[in-house]
Each structure stands twice: as C-alpha cells, then as structure tokens.
Amino acid sequence: MQGAEAGGHRGGFDDSSPGNLGLLALLQLVRATVGDALPLVATGGIATGHGVAGVLAAGAAAAQLGTAFMLCPEAATTPAHREAITQGQAPTAPTRAFTGRTARGIVNRFLHEHSADAPGAYPEVHHLTAPIRTAARQRDDVDGFNLWAGEAYDLTESVPAAELIIQLAEHARTALAAATRRV
C-alpha cells in the first residue's frame, strides 16, 4: 500500500480516489480489515532504517523504498534532479501537471504554474509535455521537468545501493530493538 507521502506516480489510475492517507494510518486501517490474511508491503515516505522499522512494527511484511535510492550511483537520476534532491530545500506536492496522472514531486516552476489547471488526462498530458520535459532535462533546467520525490527526500544519501540496503537493515534492527526496550 502506498501512503500519500510517496514520490512519483500514485499506484492507482483513479484520481477520484487520490489516496490522501498517510502511510501509517493506511497501514493500520488495511491491517484491521485484512488481518494476517495478506502480506502488506508498505511504501511512501520511507527513507531510513527507522522508517522501515516503523512500518514493520505496524504490521507490514516488507517496506518498499523509492526516493531513498535516487542518489545511488547506480540510479539513472539526471544531474539536475540529483542536485534538487541534494539541496533538499523545496517542499513536495502532488500534481497532474507533467503527465495527467497524480504524482508527487519537488515543487518547481512548472509544477507551481500548471498544477491548478492540469486535467486528469493520462497519457495525453504525458505525450503533450514529454518534449518540454526532455528539453528541460537536456538543459539541466530544474524548473521545466518533473522532480519526482517523496516527502522525506531530504534524508536521501549518495551511497551505493548495496551499501544503502545493508545500512537500512542494520538501522531497522537497531530501531526495533530500541523500541522493544522502551515498551
């Protein structure tokens, strides 16, 4: 399940049900409905081992991270997008401006100027804006293309993916052990 904190496109295509619940609330509500009948995979705003520990403690079978890997050397993140993530100064917001489908990204000029009037018309808007976004990426113009990122993007680190996974697992174990001692 995907909390509203998640970066990039929403998991569903139905903008009439935009998924405005935060991950922890969503996880608890779904868990109350399905119990142990289904394994729950949690995603949205998880960027650290503490976040992984939090969703595991709340009943998720696994945590799925996205934005946390965008600064890894193996990621195909453009230099301008990497810089926007590294600066970590702008808020994120949901928008349909880039593709016609709801997605969360770092607020830039394009998102700010076009979100209010953006129709829910995927893939038409995607095809319409693709040349604009491509040209902006080629110019390293961070104000002209989508900067997909989750709400916790400023916690993202520039480390190899394998190292990040090991670090997340170690920190999650430590956080769960510390929480157990506090209970």
N, C-alpha and C. Protein backbone atom coordinates (compact mmCIF):
# COMPACT_ATOMS: atom_id res chain seq x y z
N MET A 1 0.83 -1.17 0.00
CA MET A 1 0.00 0.00 0.00
C MET A 1 0.88 1.24 0.00
N GLN A 2 0.36 2.27 -0.65
CA GLN A 2 1.14 3.48 -0.87
C GLN A 2 0.53 4.65 -0.09
N GLY A 3 1.32 5.21 0.82
CA GLY A 3 0.89 6.39 1.56
C GLY A 3 1.03 7.63 0.71
N ALA A 4 0.32 8.66 1.10
CA ALA A 4 0.32 9.93 0.36
C ALA A 4 1.71 10.57 0.32
N GLU A 5 2.62 10.14 1.19
CA GLU A 5 3.97 10.70 1.24
C GLU A 5 4.84 10.27 0.08
N ALA A 6 4.41 9.25 -0.64
CA ALA A 6 5.22 8.64 -1.70
C ALA A 6 5.51 9.60 -2.84
N GLY A 7 6.71 9.48 -3.39
CA GLY A 7 7.08 10.26 -4.56
C GLY A 7 6.67 9.56 -5.84
N GLY A 8 6.67 10.30 -6.92
CA GLY A 8 6.32 9.73 -8.22
C GLY A 8 4.83 9.48 -8.34
N HIS A 9 4.48 8.68 -9.35
CA HIS A 9 3.07 8.42 -9.63
C HIS A 9 2.41 7.57 -8.56
N ARG A 10 1.14 7.83 -8.35
CA ARG A 10 0.32 7.02 -7.46
C ARG A 10 0.18 5.63 -8.07
N GLY A 11 -0.02 4.65 -7.23
CA GLY A 11 -0.14 3.28 -7.68
C GLY A 11 -1.40 3.01 -8.48
N GLY A 12 -2.43 3.82 -8.28
CA GLY A 12 -3.69 3.64 -9.00
C GLY A 12 -3.88 4.69 -10.07
N PHE A 13 -4.84 4.45 -10.93
CA PHE A 13 -5.12 5.39 -12.02
C PHE A 13 -6.37 6.21 -11.77
N ASP A 14 -7.03 6.00 -10.65
CA ASP A 14 -8.30 6.66 -10.38
C ASP A 14 -8.07 7.91 -9.54
N ASP A 15 -8.04 9.07 -10.19
CA ASP A 15 -7.82 10.33 -9.47
C ASP A 15 -9.02 10.74 -8.61
N SER A 16 -10.17 10.09 -8.80
CA SER A 16 -11.32 10.40 -7.94
C SER A 16 -11.11 9.82 -6.55
N SER A 17 -10.17 8.91 -6.41
CA SER A 17 -9.77 8.35 -5.13
C SER A 17 -8.27 8.54 -4.99
N PRO A 18 -7.86 9.78 -4.65
CA PRO A 18 -6.45 10.15 -4.79
C PRO A 18 -5.48 9.55 -3.77
N GLY A 19 -5.95 8.85 -2.77
CA GLY A 19 -5.02 8.28 -1.81
C GLY A 19 -4.39 9.33 -0.93
N ASN A 20 -5.19 10.03 -0.16
CA ASN A 20 -4.69 11.12 0.68
C ASN A 20 -4.28 10.68 2.07
N LEU A 21 -4.35 9.39 2.37
CA LEU A 21 -3.97 8.92 3.70
C LEU A 21 -2.47 8.75 3.81
N GLY A 22 -1.94 9.11 4.96
CA GLY A 22 -0.55 8.86 5.24
C GLY A 22 -0.32 7.36 5.40
N LEU A 23 0.91 6.93 5.24
CA LEU A 23 1.22 5.51 5.22
C LEU A 23 0.86 4.81 6.53
N LEU A 24 1.21 5.38 7.65
CA LEU A 24 0.95 4.71 8.92
C LEU A 24 -0.55 4.53 9.17
N ALA A 25 -1.35 5.56 8.88
CA ALA A 25 -2.80 5.43 9.03
C ALA A 25 -3.34 4.39 8.06
N LEU A 26 -2.89 4.43 6.82
CA LEU A 26 -3.35 3.48 5.81
C LEU A 26 -2.99 2.05 6.20
N LEU A 27 -1.78 1.85 6.66
CA LEU A 27 -1.32 0.52 7.07
C LEU A 27 -2.19 -0.03 8.21
N GLN A 28 -2.49 0.80 9.18
CA GLN A 28 -3.31 0.35 10.30
C GLN A 28 -4.73 0.02 9.86
N LEU A 29 -5.30 0.84 8.99
CA LEU A 29 -6.67 0.60 8.51
C LEU A 29 -6.76 -0.67 7.67
N VAL A 30 -5.81 -0.87 6.79
CA VAL A 30 -5.83 -2.08 5.96
C VAL A 30 -5.57 -3.30 6.82
N ARG A 31 -4.64 -3.19 7.75
CA ARG A 31 -4.34 -4.31 8.66
C ARG A 31 -5.57 -4.70 9.46
N ALA A 32 -6.34 -3.72 9.90
CA ALA A 32 -7.57 -4.00 10.66
C ALA A 32 -8.60 -4.72 9.80
N THR A 33 -8.58 -4.48 8.51
CA THR A 33 -9.53 -5.10 7.59
C THR A 33 -9.11 -6.50 7.17
N VAL A 34 -7.84 -6.69 6.82
CA VAL A 34 -7.40 -7.99 6.28
C VAL A 34 -6.72 -8.88 7.31
N GLY A 35 -6.35 -8.31 8.45
CA GLY A 35 -5.65 -9.10 9.46
C GLY A 35 -4.37 -9.68 8.92
N ASP A 36 -4.15 -10.96 9.17
CA ASP A 36 -2.95 -11.64 8.69
C ASP A 36 -3.18 -12.39 7.39
N ALA A 37 -4.34 -12.16 6.77
CA ALA A 37 -4.70 -12.91 5.56
C ALA A 37 -3.80 -12.59 4.38
N LEU A 38 -3.28 -11.37 4.32
CA LEU A 38 -2.45 -10.95 3.20
C LEU A 38 -1.16 -10.29 3.70
N PRO A 39 -0.04 -10.52 3.02
CA PRO A 39 1.18 -9.78 3.37
C PRO A 39 1.05 -8.35 2.87
N LEU A 40 1.34 -7.41 3.71
CA LEU A 40 1.23 -6.00 3.34
C LEU A 40 2.61 -5.42 3.07
N VAL A 41 2.76 -4.80 1.91
CA VAL A 41 4.01 -4.13 1.55
C VAL A 41 3.74 -2.64 1.63
N ALA A 42 4.52 -1.94 2.44
CA ALA A 42 4.30 -0.52 2.70
C ALA A 42 5.29 0.35 1.94
N THR A 43 4.79 1.43 1.36
CA THR A 43 5.66 2.37 0.66
C THR A 43 5.11 3.79 0.82
N GLY A 44 6.01 4.73 0.81
CA GLY A 44 5.61 6.14 0.89
C GLY A 44 6.31 6.86 2.02
N GLY A 45 7.30 7.67 1.70
CA GLY A 45 7.99 8.48 2.70
C GLY A 45 8.96 7.70 3.57
N ILE A 46 9.30 6.49 3.20
CA ILE A 46 10.26 5.70 3.99
C ILE A 46 11.65 5.96 3.41
N ALA A 47 12.54 6.48 4.23
CA ALA A 47 13.87 6.83 3.72
C ALA A 47 15.00 6.34 4.62
N THR A 48 14.66 5.83 5.80
CA THR A 48 15.68 5.43 6.76
C THR A 48 15.33 4.08 7.38
N GLY A 49 16.28 3.52 8.11
CA GLY A 49 16.02 2.30 8.84
C GLY A 49 14.93 2.47 9.87
N HIS A 50 14.85 3.64 10.46
CA HIS A 50 13.76 3.91 11.42
C HIS A 50 12.40 3.84 10.72
N GLY A 51 12.32 4.35 9.50
CA GLY A 51 11.08 4.27 8.74
C GLY A 51 10.72 2.83 8.41
N VAL A 52 11.72 2.04 8.02
CA VAL A 52 11.50 0.62 7.76
C VAL A 52 10.99 -0.05 9.03
N ALA A 53 11.65 0.22 10.15
CA ALA A 53 11.24 -0.37 11.42
C ALA A 53 9.81 0.02 11.78
N GLY A 54 9.46 1.27 11.51
CA GLY A 54 8.12 1.75 11.83
C GLY A 54 7.03 0.98 11.11
N VAL A 55 7.21 0.76 9.80
CA VAL A 55 6.16 0.06 9.06
C VAL A 55 6.15 -1.43 9.39
N LEU A 56 7.32 -2.01 9.70
CA LEU A 56 7.36 -3.41 10.11
C LEU A 56 6.64 -3.57 11.46
N ALA A 57 6.90 -2.64 12.37
CA ALA A 57 6.24 -2.70 13.68
C ALA A 57 4.73 -2.51 13.56
N ALA A 58 4.31 -1.77 12.55
CA ALA A 58 2.87 -1.52 12.34
C ALA A 58 2.18 -2.65 11.58
N GLY A 59 2.94 -3.69 11.23
CA GLY A 59 2.32 -4.86 10.63
C GLY A 59 2.64 -5.14 9.17
N ALA A 60 3.46 -4.33 8.55
CA ALA A 60 3.84 -4.61 7.16
C ALA A 60 4.78 -5.82 7.11
N ALA A 61 4.66 -6.60 6.05
CA ALA A 61 5.57 -7.72 5.84
C ALA A 61 6.88 -7.23 5.24
N ALA A 62 6.83 -6.08 4.57
CA ALA A 62 8.02 -5.53 3.92
C ALA A 62 7.84 -4.04 3.70
N ALA A 63 8.96 -3.37 3.51
CA ALA A 63 8.96 -1.95 3.17
C ALA A 63 9.53 -1.80 1.76
N GLN A 64 8.92 -0.93 0.99
CA GLN A 64 9.41 -0.65 -0.36
C GLN A 64 9.86 0.81 -0.40
N LEU A 65 11.09 1.04 -0.79
CA LEU A 65 11.63 2.40 -0.85
C LEU A 65 11.91 2.78 -2.29
N GLY A 66 11.72 4.04 -2.62
CA GLY A 66 11.97 4.52 -3.96
C GLY A 66 12.94 5.68 -3.96
N THR A 67 12.48 6.82 -3.45
CA THR A 67 13.29 8.04 -3.45
C THR A 67 14.62 7.82 -2.74
N ALA A 68 14.65 6.97 -1.73
CA ALA A 68 15.88 6.72 -0.98
C ALA A 68 17.03 6.25 -1.87
N PHE A 69 16.70 5.67 -3.04
CA PHE A 69 17.73 5.14 -3.94
C PHE A 69 18.10 6.10 -5.07
N MET A 70 17.47 7.27 -5.14
CA MET A 70 17.67 8.15 -6.29
C MET A 70 19.05 8.80 -6.37
N LEU A 71 19.77 8.86 -5.25
CA LEU A 71 21.13 9.41 -5.29
C LEU A 71 22.20 8.34 -5.36
N CYS A 72 21.80 7.08 -5.39
CA CYS A 72 22.78 5.99 -5.53
C CYS A 72 23.47 6.13 -6.89
N PRO A 73 24.75 5.82 -6.95
CA PRO A 73 25.47 5.93 -8.23
C PRO A 73 24.83 5.09 -9.34
N GLU A 74 24.17 4.00 -8.98
CA GLU A 74 23.56 3.12 -9.97
C GLU A 74 22.27 3.69 -10.55
N ALA A 75 21.68 4.68 -9.89
CA ALA A 75 20.41 5.25 -10.34
C ALA A 75 20.62 6.10 -11.60
N ALA A 76 19.63 6.13 -12.45
CA ALA A 76 19.69 6.92 -13.68
C ALA A 76 19.16 8.33 -13.48
N THR A 77 19.18 8.80 -12.26
CA THR A 77 18.71 10.14 -11.93
C THR A 77 19.59 11.18 -12.63
N THR A 78 18.96 12.16 -13.30
CA THR A 78 19.73 13.17 -14.02
C THR A 78 20.51 14.05 -13.04
N PRO A 79 21.59 14.67 -13.49
CA PRO A 79 22.36 15.55 -12.61
C PRO A 79 21.52 16.67 -12.00
N ALA A 80 20.65 17.27 -12.77
CA ALA A 80 19.83 18.36 -12.24
C ALA A 80 18.85 17.85 -11.18
N HIS A 81 18.27 16.68 -11.40
CA HIS A 81 17.37 16.09 -10.42
C HIS A 81 18.13 15.73 -9.15
N ARG A 82 19.34 15.18 -9.31
CA ARG A 82 20.18 14.87 -8.15
C ARG A 82 20.46 16.14 -7.33
N GLU A 83 20.75 17.21 -8.03
CA GLU A 83 21.04 18.48 -7.34
C GLU A 83 19.82 18.97 -6.57
N ALA A 84 18.64 18.87 -7.16
CA ALA A 84 17.42 19.30 -6.48
C ALA A 84 17.18 18.47 -5.23
N ILE A 85 17.44 17.17 -5.31
CA ILE A 85 17.28 16.30 -4.14
C ILE A 85 18.32 16.64 -3.09
N THR A 86 19.55 16.83 -3.51
CA THR A 86 20.65 17.13 -2.58
C THR A 86 20.41 18.43 -1.83
N GLN A 87 19.88 19.44 -2.52
CA GLN A 87 19.61 20.73 -1.87
C GLN A 87 18.56 20.60 -0.79
N GLY A 88 17.54 19.76 -1.03
CA GLY A 88 16.52 19.47 -0.02
C GLY A 88 15.81 20.67 0.57
N GLN A 89 15.62 21.73 -0.20
CA GLN A 89 15.04 22.94 0.35
C GLN A 89 13.58 23.17 -0.01
N ALA A 90 13.13 22.63 -1.11
CA ALA A 90 11.77 22.89 -1.57
C ALA A 90 10.83 21.80 -1.05
N PRO A 91 9.57 22.15 -0.82
CA PRO A 91 8.60 21.13 -0.41
C PRO A 91 8.22 20.25 -1.60
N THR A 92 7.50 19.18 -1.32
CA THR A 92 6.94 18.36 -2.38
C THR A 92 5.44 18.60 -2.43
N ALA A 93 4.84 18.25 -3.55
CA ALA A 93 3.39 18.40 -3.70
C ALA A 93 2.89 17.42 -4.76
N PRO A 94 1.64 16.99 -4.61
CA PRO A 94 1.06 16.16 -5.67
C PRO A 94 0.63 17.03 -6.84
N THR A 95 0.73 16.48 -8.05
CA THR A 95 0.36 17.23 -9.26
C THR A 95 -0.02 16.28 -10.37
N ARG A 96 -0.79 16.79 -11.32
CA ARG A 96 -1.06 16.08 -12.58
C ARG A 96 -0.42 16.84 -13.74
N ALA A 97 0.29 17.92 -13.45
CA ALA A 97 0.78 18.84 -14.47
C ALA A 97 1.71 18.19 -15.50
N PHE A 98 2.51 17.23 -15.10
CA PHE A 98 3.51 16.67 -16.01
C PHE A 98 2.98 15.55 -16.89
N THR A 99 2.06 14.76 -16.35
CA THR A 99 1.62 13.56 -17.09
C THR A 99 0.11 13.39 -17.17
N GLY A 100 -0.65 14.17 -16.42
CA GLY A 100 -2.08 13.97 -16.39
C GLY A 100 -2.51 12.92 -15.38
N ARG A 101 -1.55 12.43 -14.63
CA ARG A 101 -1.80 11.42 -13.60
C ARG A 101 -1.16 11.91 -12.31
N THR A 102 -1.82 11.72 -11.18
CA THR A 102 -1.31 12.25 -9.92
C THR A 102 0.04 11.63 -9.55
N ALA A 103 0.98 12.51 -9.22
CA ALA A 103 2.32 12.12 -8.80
C ALA A 103 2.85 13.18 -7.85
N ARG A 104 3.77 12.80 -6.98
CA ARG A 104 4.38 13.75 -6.04
C ARG A 104 5.79 14.09 -6.50
N GLY A 105 6.09 15.38 -6.49
CA GLY A 105 7.42 15.82 -6.86
C GLY A 105 7.83 17.07 -6.09
N ILE A 106 9.10 17.40 -6.21
CA ILE A 106 9.62 18.63 -5.61
C ILE A 106 9.01 19.80 -6.36
N VAL A 107 8.53 20.77 -5.62
CA VAL A 107 7.87 21.93 -6.24
C VAL A 107 8.91 22.74 -7.02
N ASN A 108 8.60 22.93 -8.29
CA ASN A 108 9.41 23.79 -9.15
C ASN A 108 8.45 24.71 -9.91
N ARG A 109 8.97 25.53 -10.79
CA ARG A 109 8.12 26.49 -11.50
C ARG A 109 7.02 25.80 -12.31
N PHE A 110 7.33 24.76 -13.05
CA PHE A 110 6.34 24.08 -13.88
C PHE A 110 5.22 23.51 -13.02
N LEU A 111 5.57 22.82 -11.95
CA LEU A 111 4.56 22.25 -11.05
C LEU A 111 3.70 23.36 -10.47
N HIS A 112 4.34 24.42 -10.01
CA HIS A 112 3.62 25.54 -9.38
C HIS A 112 2.67 26.23 -10.36
N GLU A 113 3.13 26.47 -11.57
CA GLU A 113 2.31 27.22 -12.54
C GLU A 113 1.20 26.40 -13.19
N HIS A 114 1.34 25.08 -13.27
CA HIS A 114 0.40 24.29 -14.06
C HIS A 114 -0.46 23.31 -13.26
N SER A 115 -0.20 23.12 -11.99
CA SER A 115 -0.95 22.12 -11.22
C SER A 115 -2.43 22.45 -11.09
N ALA A 116 -2.76 23.69 -10.85
CA ALA A 116 -4.16 24.05 -10.60
C ALA A 116 -5.05 23.74 -11.80
N ASP A 117 -4.53 23.85 -12.99
CA ASP A 117 -5.34 23.66 -14.20
C ASP A 117 -5.09 22.32 -14.89
N ALA A 118 -4.25 21.47 -14.32
CA ALA A 118 -3.88 20.22 -15.00
C ALA A 118 -5.03 19.23 -15.00
N PRO A 119 -5.42 18.77 -16.17
CA PRO A 119 -6.51 17.79 -16.24
C PRO A 119 -6.02 16.38 -15.89
N GLY A 120 -6.94 15.54 -15.47
CA GLY A 120 -6.63 14.13 -15.26
C GLY A 120 -6.75 13.43 -16.59
N ALA A 121 -5.76 13.59 -17.44
CA ALA A 121 -5.82 13.08 -18.82
C ALA A 121 -4.53 12.35 -19.18
N TYR A 122 -4.29 11.26 -18.48
CA TYR A 122 -3.14 10.43 -18.81
C TYR A 122 -3.57 9.43 -19.87
N PRO A 123 -2.81 9.17 -20.90
CA PRO A 123 -1.44 9.61 -21.18
C PRO A 123 -1.34 10.84 -22.06
N GLU A 124 -2.47 11.45 -22.40
CA GLU A 124 -2.43 12.60 -23.32
C GLU A 124 -1.54 13.72 -22.81
N VAL A 125 -1.66 14.10 -21.54
CA VAL A 125 -0.82 15.16 -20.99
C VAL A 125 0.65 14.72 -21.00
N HIS A 126 0.89 13.47 -20.67
CA HIS A 126 2.25 12.93 -20.70
C HIS A 126 2.87 13.14 -22.09
N HIS A 127 2.14 12.76 -23.14
CA HIS A 127 2.67 12.90 -24.50
C HIS A 127 2.83 14.38 -24.90
N LEU A 128 1.93 15.21 -24.43
CA LEU A 128 1.98 16.64 -24.73
C LEU A 128 3.20 17.30 -24.09
N THR A 129 3.49 16.94 -22.85
CA THR A 129 4.58 17.60 -22.12
C THR A 129 5.94 16.91 -22.28
N ALA A 130 5.97 15.71 -22.84
CA ALA A 130 7.23 14.96 -22.96
C ALA A 130 8.34 15.75 -23.65
N PRO A 131 8.09 16.40 -24.79
CA PRO A 131 9.17 17.16 -25.43
C PRO A 131 9.66 18.33 -24.56
N ILE A 132 8.75 18.97 -23.85
CA ILE A 132 9.12 20.08 -22.97
C ILE A 132 10.01 19.57 -21.84
N ARG A 133 9.61 18.46 -21.23
CA ARG A 133 10.38 17.88 -20.13
C ARG A 133 11.74 17.38 -20.61
N THR A 134 11.79 16.77 -21.78
CA THR A 134 13.05 16.27 -22.33
C THR A 134 14.02 17.42 -22.58
N ALA A 135 13.54 18.48 -23.19
CA ALA A 135 14.39 19.65 -23.46
C ALA A 135 14.89 20.27 -22.16
N ALA A 136 14.04 20.36 -21.17
CA ALA A 136 14.45 20.92 -19.87
C ALA A 136 15.53 20.06 -19.21
N ARG A 137 15.37 18.74 -19.27
CA ARG A 137 16.39 17.84 -18.71
C ARG A 137 17.73 18.04 -19.42
N GLN A 138 17.68 18.15 -20.73
CA GLN A 138 18.92 18.32 -21.50
C GLN A 138 19.62 19.62 -21.16
N ARG A 139 18.84 20.64 -20.77
CA ARG A 139 19.41 21.94 -20.37
C ARG A 139 19.72 22.01 -18.88
N ASP A 140 19.43 20.92 -18.14
CA ASP A 140 19.56 20.93 -16.67
C ASP A 140 18.71 22.01 -16.04
N ASP A 141 17.54 22.26 -16.63
CA ASP A 141 16.59 23.26 -16.14
C ASP A 141 15.63 22.62 -15.16
N VAL A 142 15.94 22.69 -13.87
CA VAL A 142 15.12 22.03 -12.85
C VAL A 142 13.70 22.59 -12.75
N ASP A 143 13.46 23.72 -13.35
CA ASP A 143 12.12 24.30 -13.32
C ASP A 143 11.23 23.81 -14.46
N GLY A 144 11.75 22.99 -15.35
CA GLY A 144 10.99 22.59 -16.52
C GLY A 144 10.64 21.12 -16.65
N PHE A 145 11.03 20.30 -15.67
CA PHE A 145 10.68 18.88 -15.74
C PHE A 145 10.33 18.36 -14.36
N ASN A 146 9.73 17.16 -14.35
CA ASN A 146 9.27 16.58 -13.10
C ASN A 146 10.45 16.13 -12.23
N LEU A 147 10.40 16.49 -10.97
CA LEU A 147 11.42 16.13 -9.99
C LEU A 147 10.78 15.20 -8.98
N TRP A 148 10.39 14.01 -9.43
CA TRP A 148 9.69 13.08 -8.55
C TRP A 148 10.50 12.82 -7.30
N ALA A 149 9.83 12.90 -6.15
CA ALA A 149 10.47 12.63 -4.86
C ALA A 149 9.39 12.52 -3.79
N GLY A 150 9.64 11.66 -2.81
CA GLY A 150 8.74 11.53 -1.67
C GLY A 150 8.99 12.63 -0.66
N GLU A 151 8.09 12.73 0.31
CA GLU A 151 8.17 13.81 1.29
C GLU A 151 9.46 13.80 2.11
N ALA A 152 10.07 12.65 2.31
CA ALA A 152 11.29 12.56 3.12
C ALA A 152 12.55 12.61 2.26
N TYR A 153 12.47 13.22 1.09
CA TYR A 153 13.59 13.19 0.15
C TYR A 153 14.86 13.82 0.69
N ASP A 154 14.75 14.74 1.63
CA ASP A 154 15.97 15.38 2.14
C ASP A 154 16.79 14.44 3.03
N LEU A 155 16.29 13.23 3.30
CA LEU A 155 17.05 12.22 4.04
C LEU A 155 17.83 11.28 3.12
N THR A 156 17.70 11.49 1.82
CA THR A 156 18.35 10.63 0.83
C THR A 156 19.87 10.81 0.89
N GLU A 157 20.59 9.69 0.77
CA GLU A 157 22.05 9.71 0.82
C GLU A 157 22.64 9.23 -0.50
N SER A 158 23.82 9.73 -0.80
CA SER A 158 24.53 9.33 -2.02
C SER A 158 25.51 8.21 -1.67
N VAL A 159 24.98 6.99 -1.61
CA VAL A 159 25.81 5.81 -1.34
C VAL A 159 25.41 4.71 -2.32
N PRO A 160 26.31 3.76 -2.59
CA PRO A 160 25.93 2.65 -3.47
C PRO A 160 24.70 1.91 -2.92
N ALA A 161 23.90 1.39 -3.83
CA ALA A 161 22.64 0.74 -3.45
C ALA A 161 22.86 -0.42 -2.48
N ALA A 162 23.87 -1.24 -2.71
CA ALA A 162 24.13 -2.37 -1.81
C ALA A 162 24.45 -1.88 -0.40
N GLU A 163 25.23 -0.82 -0.31
CA GLU A 163 25.57 -0.24 0.99
C GLU A 163 24.33 0.33 1.66
N LEU A 164 23.48 0.97 0.89
CA LEU A 164 22.25 1.54 1.43
C LEU A 164 21.35 0.45 2.01
N ILE A 165 21.21 -0.65 1.31
CA ILE A 165 20.37 -1.75 1.79
C ILE A 165 20.91 -2.31 3.10
N ILE A 166 22.20 -2.51 3.18
CA ILE A 166 22.82 -3.01 4.41
C ILE A 166 22.59 -2.02 5.55
N GLN A 167 22.79 -0.75 5.27
CA GLN A 167 22.60 0.31 6.27
C GLN A 167 21.15 0.36 6.74
N LEU A 168 20.20 0.29 5.81
CA LEU A 168 18.78 0.31 6.17
C LEU A 168 18.42 -0.86 7.08
N ALA A 169 18.90 -2.05 6.73
CA ALA A 169 18.61 -3.24 7.52
C ALA A 169 19.20 -3.13 8.93
N GLU A 170 20.46 -2.70 9.02
CA GLU A 170 21.10 -2.55 10.33
C GLU A 170 20.38 -1.53 11.19
N HIS A 171 20.04 -0.38 10.60
CA HIS A 171 19.36 0.66 11.36
C HIS A 171 17.96 0.24 11.76
N ALA A 172 17.28 -0.51 10.89
CA ALA A 172 15.94 -1.00 11.23
C ALA A 172 16.01 -1.97 12.41
N ARG A 173 16.98 -2.89 12.40
CA ARG A 173 17.14 -3.83 13.52
C ARG A 173 17.42 -3.08 14.82
N THR A 174 18.30 -2.09 14.74
CA THR A 174 18.63 -1.30 15.93
C THR A 174 17.41 -0.54 16.44
N ALA A 175 16.64 0.05 15.52
CA ALA A 175 15.45 0.81 15.91
C ALA A 175 14.39 -0.10 16.53
N LEU A 176 14.19 -1.28 15.95
CA LEU A 176 13.21 -2.22 16.52
C LEU A 176 13.63 -2.70 17.89
N ALA A 177 14.92 -2.97 18.08
CA ALA A 177 15.43 -3.40 19.39
C ALA A 177 15.25 -2.29 20.42
N ALA A 178 15.55 -1.06 20.03
CA ALA A 178 15.39 0.07 20.96
C ALA A 178 13.91 0.28 21.30
N ALA A 179 13.04 0.13 20.34
CA ALA A 179 11.60 0.28 20.61
C ALA A 179 11.12 -0.82 21.54
N THR A 180 11.62 -2.03 21.36
CA THR A 180 11.24 -3.15 22.23
C THR A 180 11.65 -2.86 23.68
N ARG A 181 12.82 -2.28 23.87
CA ARG A 181 13.28 -1.94 25.23
C ARG A 181 12.40 -0.85 25.86
N ARG A 182 11.89 0.06 25.04
CA ARG A 182 11.06 1.15 25.56
C ARG A 182 9.66 0.68 25.94
N VAL A 183 9.21 -0.42 25.34
CA VAL A 183 7.86 -0.92 25.62
C VAL A 183 7.90 -1.64 26.90
